[in-house]
Amino acid sequence: MTDWLLELFTIGHLGYFMLGVATAGIWHWVKARFQRKTIIIHWKYLGVPLALCIIGYVAAQNQQNADCVREFNQVLRVRSGISMENDRLSRVERTAFAEWLRVLLNPPPEIAALADDDPRYQEWGRTITQHYYVQIKSIEDQQDANDRVRADNPLPEPTCGR
């Protein structure tokens, strides 16, 4: 719905409309008095415009609220998807950390038999650490990308009722 149509149904504009209806009624009453005619007021001529104004105002407010809720839900869906992805990445990262520690603390028997200062033992440790570092770094990069998407989709300012 366009903004100009919503602006028609503000309290101020509805007040002006009712003022116009009342002014027209007063004008017809004054004209009838000068012509010495009896005027009969039918409440439907006041009630129907008033009811239409109220219905229009409520419809316009409902449309504005629906637009606000739709916009807010759209942003929440985007941010919810980012949060779910971050949760998944966090689980994968924790699993990679746990697996890395498990492998380092439980080396294969041929590596475990070597002394701690043996170059082969140290090279094995560096290789395992490098392997898991690459996995964890990839996950952190994805989380950073999600943070950038979240920054690009901020929660909207509340505009309902304005």
N, C-alpha and C. Protein backbone atom coordinates (compact mmCIF):
# COMPACT_ATOMS: atom_id res chain seq x y z
N MET A 1 0.86 -1.17 0.00
CA MET A 1 0.00 0.00 0.00
C MET A 1 0.91 1.23 0.00
N THR A 2 0.52 2.26 -0.73
CA THR A 2 1.37 3.44 -0.83
C THR A 2 1.20 4.33 0.39
N ASP A 3 2.25 5.12 0.66
CA ASP A 3 2.26 5.97 1.85
C ASP A 3 1.18 7.04 1.80
N TRP A 4 0.91 7.59 0.63
CA TRP A 4 -0.07 8.68 0.57
C TRP A 4 -1.45 8.19 0.98
N LEU A 5 -1.76 6.93 0.66
CA LEU A 5 -3.06 6.39 1.05
C LEU A 5 -3.12 6.16 2.56
N LEU A 6 -2.02 5.70 3.14
CA LEU A 6 -1.98 5.52 4.59
C LEU A 6 -2.08 6.86 5.31
N GLU A 7 -1.50 7.90 4.72
CA GLU A 7 -1.56 9.23 5.34
C GLU A 7 -2.97 9.79 5.36
N LEU A 8 -3.83 9.32 4.46
CA LEU A 8 -5.22 9.80 4.46
C LEU A 8 -5.95 9.40 5.74
N PHE A 9 -5.56 8.27 6.31
CA PHE A 9 -6.27 7.74 7.46
C PHE A 9 -5.54 7.98 8.77
N THR A 10 -4.96 9.15 8.93
CA THR A 10 -4.40 9.52 10.22
C THR A 10 -5.49 10.21 11.03
N ILE A 11 -5.26 10.31 12.32
CA ILE A 11 -6.26 10.93 13.20
C ILE A 11 -6.55 12.36 12.76
N GLY A 12 -5.51 13.10 12.40
CA GLY A 12 -5.70 14.49 11.97
C GLY A 12 -6.57 14.60 10.73
N HIS A 13 -6.29 13.79 9.72
CA HIS A 13 -7.08 13.83 8.49
C HIS A 13 -8.51 13.37 8.72
N LEU A 14 -8.68 12.37 9.56
CA LEU A 14 -10.05 11.93 9.87
C LEU A 14 -10.81 13.01 10.63
N GLY A 15 -10.11 13.73 11.48
CA GLY A 15 -10.73 14.86 12.19
C GLY A 15 -11.17 15.94 11.23
N TYR A 16 -10.32 16.26 10.25
CA TYR A 16 -10.69 17.26 9.25
C TYR A 16 -11.89 16.80 8.42
N PHE A 17 -11.93 15.50 8.09
CA PHE A 17 -13.07 14.98 7.35
C PHE A 17 -14.36 15.15 8.14
N MET A 18 -14.32 14.77 9.43
CA MET A 18 -15.52 14.90 10.27
C MET A 18 -15.88 16.37 10.46
N LEU A 19 -14.87 17.25 10.53
CA LEU A 19 -15.15 18.69 10.62
C LEU A 19 -15.88 19.16 9.36
N GLY A 20 -15.47 18.65 8.20
CA GLY A 20 -16.14 18.99 6.95
C GLY A 20 -17.57 18.50 6.93
N VAL A 21 -17.80 17.27 7.42
CA VAL A 21 -19.17 16.74 7.48
C VAL A 21 -20.01 17.61 8.42
N ALA A 22 -19.47 17.96 9.58
CA ALA A 22 -20.21 18.79 10.54
C ALA A 22 -20.47 20.18 9.98
N THR A 23 -19.49 20.77 9.29
CA THR A 23 -19.66 22.09 8.70
C THR A 23 -20.75 22.08 7.63
N ALA A 24 -20.76 21.04 6.82
CA ALA A 24 -21.81 20.93 5.80
C ALA A 24 -23.18 20.81 6.46
N GLY A 25 -23.26 20.04 7.55
CA GLY A 25 -24.52 19.92 8.26
C GLY A 25 -24.97 21.24 8.85
N ILE A 26 -24.05 21.99 9.43
CA ILE A 26 -24.38 23.31 10.00
C ILE A 26 -24.82 24.26 8.89
N TRP A 27 -24.13 24.24 7.76
CA TRP A 27 -24.49 25.10 6.64
C TRP A 27 -25.92 24.81 6.17
N HIS A 28 -26.26 23.52 6.03
CA HIS A 28 -27.62 23.17 5.61
C HIS A 28 -28.64 23.57 6.68
N TRP A 29 -28.29 23.48 7.95
CA TRP A 29 -29.20 23.88 9.02
C TRP A 29 -29.43 25.39 8.99
N VAL A 30 -28.34 26.18 8.80
CA VAL A 30 -28.47 27.64 8.73
C VAL A 30 -29.29 28.04 7.50
N LYS A 31 -29.03 27.42 6.38
CA LYS A 31 -29.77 27.72 5.15
C LYS A 31 -31.27 27.40 5.33
N ALA A 32 -31.57 26.28 5.98
CA ALA A 32 -32.97 25.91 6.21
C ALA A 32 -33.64 26.90 7.16
N ARG A 33 -32.94 27.41 8.16
CA ARG A 33 -33.52 28.38 9.10
C ARG A 33 -33.88 29.67 8.39
N PHE A 34 -33.01 30.13 7.49
CA PHE A 34 -33.30 31.37 6.76
C PHE A 34 -34.45 31.19 5.76
N GLN A 35 -34.63 29.98 5.29
CA GLN A 35 -35.74 29.72 4.36
C GLN A 35 -37.00 29.27 5.11
N ARG A 36 -36.93 29.28 6.42
CA ARG A 36 -38.03 28.91 7.30
C ARG A 36 -38.54 27.48 7.03
N LYS A 37 -37.57 26.58 6.84
CA LYS A 37 -37.90 25.17 6.64
C LYS A 37 -37.52 24.40 7.89
N THR A 38 -38.19 23.30 8.09
CA THR A 38 -37.86 22.43 9.22
C THR A 38 -36.79 21.45 8.75
N ILE A 39 -35.79 21.32 9.57
CA ILE A 39 -34.71 20.40 9.21
C ILE A 39 -34.80 19.17 10.08
N ILE A 40 -34.66 18.04 9.47
CA ILE A 40 -34.68 16.77 10.20
C ILE A 40 -33.28 16.16 10.06
N ILE A 41 -32.70 15.86 11.20
CA ILE A 41 -31.34 15.28 11.20
C ILE A 41 -31.48 13.77 11.21
N HIS A 42 -30.95 13.15 10.20
CA HIS A 42 -30.90 11.70 10.14
C HIS A 42 -29.51 11.29 10.62
N TRP A 43 -29.45 10.54 11.69
CA TRP A 43 -28.17 10.17 12.29
C TRP A 43 -27.34 9.31 11.36
N LYS A 44 -27.98 8.68 10.40
CA LYS A 44 -27.20 7.86 9.47
C LYS A 44 -26.24 8.72 8.65
N TYR A 45 -26.61 10.00 8.44
CA TYR A 45 -25.73 10.88 7.67
C TYR A 45 -24.48 11.25 8.46
N LEU A 46 -24.54 11.17 9.77
CA LEU A 46 -23.35 11.40 10.60
C LEU A 46 -22.69 10.08 10.97
N GLY A 47 -23.50 9.07 11.23
CA GLY A 47 -22.97 7.79 11.69
C GLY A 47 -22.22 7.03 10.62
N VAL A 48 -22.72 7.03 9.39
CA VAL A 48 -22.07 6.28 8.32
C VAL A 48 -20.68 6.86 8.00
N PRO A 49 -20.54 8.19 7.81
CA PRO A 49 -19.19 8.70 7.58
C PRO A 49 -18.25 8.44 8.77
N LEU A 50 -18.78 8.57 9.99
CA LEU A 50 -17.95 8.30 11.16
C LEU A 50 -17.51 6.84 11.18
N ALA A 51 -18.44 5.93 10.91
CA ALA A 51 -18.09 4.50 10.89
C ALA A 51 -17.07 4.20 9.79
N LEU A 52 -17.25 4.81 8.61
CA LEU A 52 -16.28 4.61 7.52
C LEU A 52 -14.91 5.15 7.89
N CYS A 53 -14.87 6.28 8.57
CA CYS A 53 -13.59 6.84 9.01
C CYS A 53 -12.90 5.91 10.00
N ILE A 54 -13.65 5.39 10.94
CA ILE A 54 -13.07 4.48 11.92
C ILE A 54 -12.57 3.20 11.25
N ILE A 55 -13.37 2.66 10.35
CA ILE A 55 -12.96 1.45 9.63
C ILE A 55 -11.70 1.72 8.80
N GLY A 56 -11.66 2.86 8.12
CA GLY A 56 -10.47 3.21 7.33
C GLY A 56 -9.25 3.38 8.19
N TYR A 57 -9.41 4.01 9.34
CA TYR A 57 -8.28 4.22 10.25
C TYR A 57 -7.75 2.88 10.76
N VAL A 58 -8.64 2.00 11.19
CA VAL A 58 -8.22 0.70 11.70
C VAL A 58 -7.55 -0.12 10.59
N ALA A 59 -8.09 -0.07 9.38
CA ALA A 59 -7.50 -0.81 8.27
C ALA A 59 -6.10 -0.29 7.96
N ALA A 60 -5.92 1.03 7.96
CA ALA A 60 -4.60 1.60 7.67
C ALA A 60 -3.61 1.22 8.76
N GLN A 61 -4.03 1.27 10.01
CA GLN A 61 -3.13 0.89 11.10
C GLN A 61 -2.76 -0.59 11.02
N ASN A 62 -3.72 -1.44 10.68
CA ASN A 62 -3.42 -2.87 10.53
C ASN A 62 -2.42 -3.10 9.41
N GLN A 63 -2.55 -2.36 8.31
CA GLN A 63 -1.62 -2.52 7.20
C GLN A 63 -0.22 -2.08 7.62
N GLN A 64 -0.11 -0.97 8.33
CA GLN A 64 1.19 -0.51 8.79
C GLN A 64 1.83 -1.53 9.73
N ASN A 65 1.04 -2.07 10.65
CA ASN A 65 1.57 -3.07 11.57
C ASN A 65 1.99 -4.34 10.84
N ALA A 66 1.22 -4.75 9.85
CA ALA A 66 1.56 -5.94 9.07
C ALA A 66 2.87 -5.73 8.32
N ASP A 67 3.05 -4.54 7.74
CA ASP A 67 4.30 -4.23 7.03
C ASP A 67 5.48 -4.27 8.00
N CYS A 68 5.29 -3.72 9.18
CA CYS A 68 6.36 -3.69 10.18
C CYS A 68 6.72 -5.11 10.61
N VAL A 69 5.73 -5.92 10.88
CA VAL A 69 5.98 -7.29 11.32
C VAL A 69 6.64 -8.10 10.20
N ARG A 70 6.20 -7.89 8.96
CA ARG A 70 6.79 -8.60 7.82
C ARG A 70 8.27 -8.26 7.68
N GLU A 71 8.60 -6.97 7.77
CA GLU A 71 10.00 -6.54 7.65
C GLU A 71 10.84 -7.12 8.79
N PHE A 72 10.31 -7.07 10.00
CA PHE A 72 11.04 -7.57 11.16
C PHE A 72 11.26 -9.08 11.05
N ASN A 73 10.24 -9.82 10.61
CA ASN A 73 10.38 -11.27 10.47
C ASN A 73 11.38 -11.64 9.38
N GLN A 74 11.43 -10.85 8.32
CA GLN A 74 12.40 -11.12 7.25
C GLN A 74 13.82 -11.01 7.79
N VAL A 75 14.10 -9.97 8.56
CA VAL A 75 15.44 -9.80 9.14
C VAL A 75 15.72 -10.90 10.15
N LEU A 76 14.71 -11.26 10.93
CA LEU A 76 14.91 -12.34 11.91
C LEU A 76 15.22 -13.67 11.24
N ARG A 77 14.60 -13.93 10.09
CA ARG A 77 14.88 -15.17 9.37
C ARG A 77 16.34 -15.20 8.91
N VAL A 78 16.82 -14.09 8.38
CA VAL A 78 18.22 -14.03 7.93
C VAL A 78 19.16 -14.24 9.11
N ARG A 79 18.89 -13.51 10.21
CA ARG A 79 19.77 -13.61 11.38
C ARG A 79 19.65 -14.98 12.04
N SER A 80 18.49 -15.59 12.01
CA SER A 80 18.32 -16.92 12.58
C SER A 80 19.14 -17.94 11.79
N GLY A 81 19.12 -17.81 10.47
CA GLY A 81 19.93 -18.70 9.63
C GLY A 81 21.41 -18.56 9.93
N ILE A 82 21.85 -17.32 10.16
CA ILE A 82 23.25 -17.09 10.50
C ILE A 82 23.57 -17.72 11.85
N SER A 83 22.68 -17.58 12.80
CA SER A 83 22.90 -18.15 14.13
C SER A 83 22.96 -19.68 14.06
N MET A 84 22.06 -20.27 13.28
CA MET A 84 22.09 -21.73 13.13
C MET A 84 23.40 -22.18 12.50
N GLU A 85 23.86 -21.45 11.50
CA GLU A 85 25.13 -21.80 10.85
C GLU A 85 26.29 -21.65 11.84
N ASN A 86 26.27 -20.58 12.64
CA ASN A 86 27.33 -20.41 13.64
C ASN A 86 27.29 -21.52 14.68
N ASP A 87 26.11 -21.95 15.08
CA ASP A 87 26.00 -23.07 16.02
C ASP A 87 26.61 -24.33 15.42
N ARG A 88 26.30 -24.58 14.15
CA ARG A 88 26.85 -25.76 13.48
C ARG A 88 28.37 -25.67 13.40
N LEU A 89 28.87 -24.49 13.03
CA LEU A 89 30.32 -24.30 12.93
C LEU A 89 31.00 -24.45 14.29
N SER A 90 30.36 -23.99 15.33
CA SER A 90 30.93 -24.13 16.68
C SER A 90 31.03 -25.60 17.07
N ARG A 91 30.00 -26.39 16.73
CA ARG A 91 30.06 -27.82 17.03
C ARG A 91 31.20 -28.49 16.26
N VAL A 92 31.35 -28.13 14.99
CA VAL A 92 32.42 -28.71 14.18
C VAL A 92 33.78 -28.28 14.74
N GLU A 93 33.89 -27.03 15.17
CA GLU A 93 35.15 -26.54 15.73
C GLU A 93 35.49 -27.28 17.04
N ARG A 94 34.50 -27.44 17.91
CA ARG A 94 34.74 -28.18 19.16
C ARG A 94 35.16 -29.62 18.88
N THR A 95 34.51 -30.23 17.89
CA THR A 95 34.87 -31.60 17.52
C THR A 95 36.30 -31.66 17.00
N ALA A 96 36.68 -30.67 16.19
CA ALA A 96 38.05 -30.64 15.65
C ALA A 96 39.06 -30.46 16.79
N PHE A 97 38.77 -29.57 17.74
CA PHE A 97 39.67 -29.38 18.89
C PHE A 97 39.80 -30.69 19.68
N ALA A 98 38.66 -31.32 19.95
CA ALA A 98 38.69 -32.56 20.73
C ALA A 98 39.45 -33.66 20.00
N GLU A 99 39.23 -33.75 18.69
CA GLU A 99 39.93 -34.76 17.89
C GLU A 99 41.44 -34.48 17.87
N TRP A 100 41.81 -33.23 17.74
CA TRP A 100 43.23 -32.83 17.74
C TRP A 100 43.89 -33.23 19.05
N LEU A 101 43.23 -32.91 20.17
CA LEU A 101 43.79 -33.28 21.48
C LEU A 101 43.84 -34.79 21.64
N ARG A 102 42.80 -35.48 21.18
CA ARG A 102 42.79 -36.95 21.29
C ARG A 102 43.95 -37.56 20.52
N VAL A 103 44.18 -37.06 19.31
CA VAL A 103 45.26 -37.62 18.49
C VAL A 103 46.62 -37.29 19.12
N LEU A 104 46.80 -36.06 19.63
CA LEU A 104 48.08 -35.69 20.24
C LEU A 104 48.35 -36.48 21.52
N LEU A 105 47.30 -36.70 22.31
CA LEU A 105 47.49 -37.42 23.58
C LEU A 105 47.56 -38.93 23.40
N ASN A 106 47.09 -39.43 22.28
CA ASN A 106 47.10 -40.88 22.01
C ASN A 106 47.77 -41.14 20.66
N PRO A 107 49.10 -40.95 20.59
CA PRO A 107 49.78 -41.16 19.29
C PRO A 107 49.78 -42.65 18.94
N PRO A 108 50.01 -42.94 17.66
CA PRO A 108 50.11 -44.34 17.25
C PRO A 108 51.28 -45.00 18.01
N PRO A 109 51.24 -46.32 18.16
CA PRO A 109 52.28 -47.00 18.96
C PRO A 109 53.71 -46.74 18.47
N GLU A 110 53.92 -46.67 17.16
CA GLU A 110 55.29 -46.45 16.66
C GLU A 110 55.80 -45.05 17.02
N ILE A 111 54.91 -44.05 17.12
CA ILE A 111 55.29 -42.69 17.51
C ILE A 111 55.41 -42.62 19.03
N ALA A 112 54.52 -43.29 19.75
CA ALA A 112 54.54 -43.27 21.21
C ALA A 112 55.81 -43.89 21.75
N ALA A 113 56.41 -44.82 21.03
CA ALA A 113 57.63 -45.48 21.48
C ALA A 113 58.85 -44.56 21.37
N LEU A 114 58.74 -43.47 20.63
CA LEU A 114 59.87 -42.54 20.45
C LEU A 114 59.98 -41.62 21.66
N ALA A 115 61.15 -41.07 21.85
CA ALA A 115 61.38 -40.11 22.93
C ALA A 115 60.73 -38.77 22.55
N ASP A 116 60.42 -37.97 23.57
CA ASP A 116 59.75 -36.69 23.33
C ASP A 116 60.60 -35.74 22.48
N ASP A 117 61.92 -35.84 22.60
CA ASP A 117 62.78 -34.92 21.85
C ASP A 117 63.22 -35.50 20.51
N ASP A 118 62.68 -36.64 20.13
CA ASP A 118 63.00 -37.26 18.84
C ASP A 118 62.41 -36.39 17.73
N PRO A 119 63.19 -36.06 16.68
CA PRO A 119 62.70 -35.23 15.59
C PRO A 119 61.48 -35.83 14.88
N ARG A 120 61.39 -37.15 14.78
CA ARG A 120 60.24 -37.77 14.13
C ARG A 120 58.96 -37.54 14.97
N TYR A 121 59.09 -37.63 16.30
CA TYR A 121 57.95 -37.39 17.18
C TYR A 121 57.48 -35.94 17.07
N GLN A 122 58.47 -35.03 17.06
CA GLN A 122 58.12 -33.60 16.95
C GLN A 122 57.52 -33.28 15.57
N GLU A 123 58.05 -33.88 14.52
CA GLU A 123 57.50 -33.66 13.17
C GLU A 123 56.08 -34.19 13.09
N TRP A 124 55.82 -35.36 13.68
CA TRP A 124 54.47 -35.91 13.71
C TRP A 124 53.51 -34.95 14.42
N GLY A 125 53.94 -34.39 15.55
CA GLY A 125 53.12 -33.44 16.30
C GLY A 125 52.84 -32.18 15.49
N ARG A 126 53.87 -31.68 14.79
CA ARG A 126 53.66 -30.49 13.95
C ARG A 126 52.71 -30.79 12.79
N THR A 127 52.83 -31.95 12.19
CA THR A 127 51.96 -32.33 11.08
C THR A 127 50.50 -32.43 11.54
N ILE A 128 50.28 -33.07 12.68
CA ILE A 128 48.92 -33.21 13.22
C ILE A 128 48.37 -31.82 13.56
N THR A 129 49.20 -31.00 14.20
CA THR A 129 48.75 -29.66 14.60
C THR A 129 48.43 -28.82 13.37
N GLN A 130 49.26 -28.89 12.34
CA GLN A 130 49.01 -28.14 11.11
C GLN A 130 47.71 -28.59 10.45
N HIS A 131 47.47 -29.90 10.44
CA HIS A 131 46.24 -30.44 9.83
C HIS A 131 45.00 -29.87 10.53
N TYR A 132 45.00 -29.90 11.85
CA TYR A 132 43.82 -29.40 12.58
C TYR A 132 43.76 -27.88 12.59
N TYR A 133 44.93 -27.23 12.52
CA TYR A 133 44.93 -25.77 12.44
C TYR A 133 44.23 -25.30 11.18
N VAL A 134 44.48 -25.96 10.06
CA VAL A 134 43.83 -25.60 8.80
C VAL A 134 42.31 -25.76 8.92
N GLN A 135 41.85 -26.85 9.53
CA GLN A 135 40.41 -27.06 9.71
C GLN A 135 39.80 -25.96 10.59
N ILE A 136 40.45 -25.68 11.71
CA ILE A 136 39.92 -24.70 12.66
C ILE A 136 39.96 -23.30 12.06
N LYS A 137 41.01 -22.98 11.34
CA LYS A 137 41.12 -21.66 10.69
C LYS A 137 40.01 -21.49 9.66
N SER A 138 39.70 -22.54 8.90
CA SER A 138 38.62 -22.49 7.91
C SER A 138 37.28 -22.20 8.59
N ILE A 139 37.05 -22.86 9.72
CA ILE A 139 35.81 -22.64 10.46
C ILE A 139 35.74 -21.20 10.98
N GLU A 140 36.85 -20.70 11.51
CA GLU A 140 36.87 -19.32 12.01
C GLU A 140 36.64 -18.32 10.88
N ASP A 141 37.18 -18.60 9.70
CA ASP A 141 36.92 -17.71 8.55
C ASP A 141 35.44 -17.70 8.18
N GLN A 142 34.80 -18.86 8.23
CA GLN A 142 33.37 -18.92 7.93
C GLN A 142 32.56 -18.16 8.99
N GLN A 143 32.97 -18.27 10.25
CA GLN A 143 32.27 -17.53 11.31
C GLN A 143 32.47 -16.02 11.14
N ASP A 144 33.66 -15.61 10.72
CA ASP A 144 33.88 -14.18 10.45
C ASP A 144 33.00 -13.70 9.30
N ALA A 145 32.85 -14.53 8.27
CA ALA A 145 31.97 -14.17 7.16
C ALA A 145 30.53 -14.05 7.65
N ASN A 146 30.10 -14.94 8.53
CA ASN A 146 28.76 -14.85 9.11
C ASN A 146 28.59 -13.57 9.92
N ASP A 147 29.63 -13.18 10.64
CA ASP A 147 29.56 -11.92 11.41
C ASP A 147 29.39 -10.73 10.47
N ARG A 148 30.06 -10.77 9.32
CA ARG A 148 29.91 -9.68 8.35
C ARG A 148 28.48 -9.65 7.78
N VAL A 149 27.92 -10.83 7.49
CA VAL A 149 26.53 -10.89 6.99
C VAL A 149 25.58 -10.36 8.05
N ARG A 150 25.82 -10.72 9.31
CA ARG A 150 24.97 -10.24 10.39
C ARG A 150 25.06 -8.72 10.51
N ALA A 151 26.27 -8.18 10.34
CA ALA A 151 26.44 -6.72 10.39
C ALA A 151 25.74 -6.04 9.21
N ASP A 152 25.67 -6.73 8.07
CA ASP A 152 24.99 -6.18 6.90
C ASP A 152 23.47 -6.27 7.01
N ASN A 153 22.97 -7.07 7.96
CA ASN A 153 21.53 -7.23 8.15
C ASN A 153 21.16 -6.90 9.61
N PRO A 154 21.27 -5.63 9.98
CA PRO A 154 20.95 -5.27 11.36
C PRO A 154 19.44 -5.36 11.60
N LEU A 155 19.09 -5.48 12.86
CA LEU A 155 17.66 -5.45 13.19
C LEU A 155 17.14 -4.08 12.84
N PRO A 156 15.96 -3.99 12.22
CA PRO A 156 15.43 -2.68 11.84
C PRO A 156 14.99 -1.89 13.06
N GLU A 157 15.06 -0.59 12.91
CA GLU A 157 14.53 0.29 13.96
C GLU A 157 13.02 0.07 14.04
N PRO A 158 12.48 0.06 15.23
CA PRO A 158 11.03 -0.11 15.33
C PRO A 158 10.29 1.08 14.72
N THR A 159 9.48 0.81 13.71
CA THR A 159 8.74 1.87 13.04
C THR A 159 7.24 1.71 13.23
N CYS A 160 6.84 0.70 13.96
CA CYS A 160 5.41 0.47 14.16
C CYS A 160 4.82 1.60 14.99
N GLY A 161 3.72 2.14 14.54
CA GLY A 161 3.04 3.18 15.27
C GLY A 161 3.56 4.56 15.03
N ARG A 162 4.56 4.71 14.19
CA ARG A 162 5.10 6.06 13.90
C ARG A 162 4.39 6.67 12.74
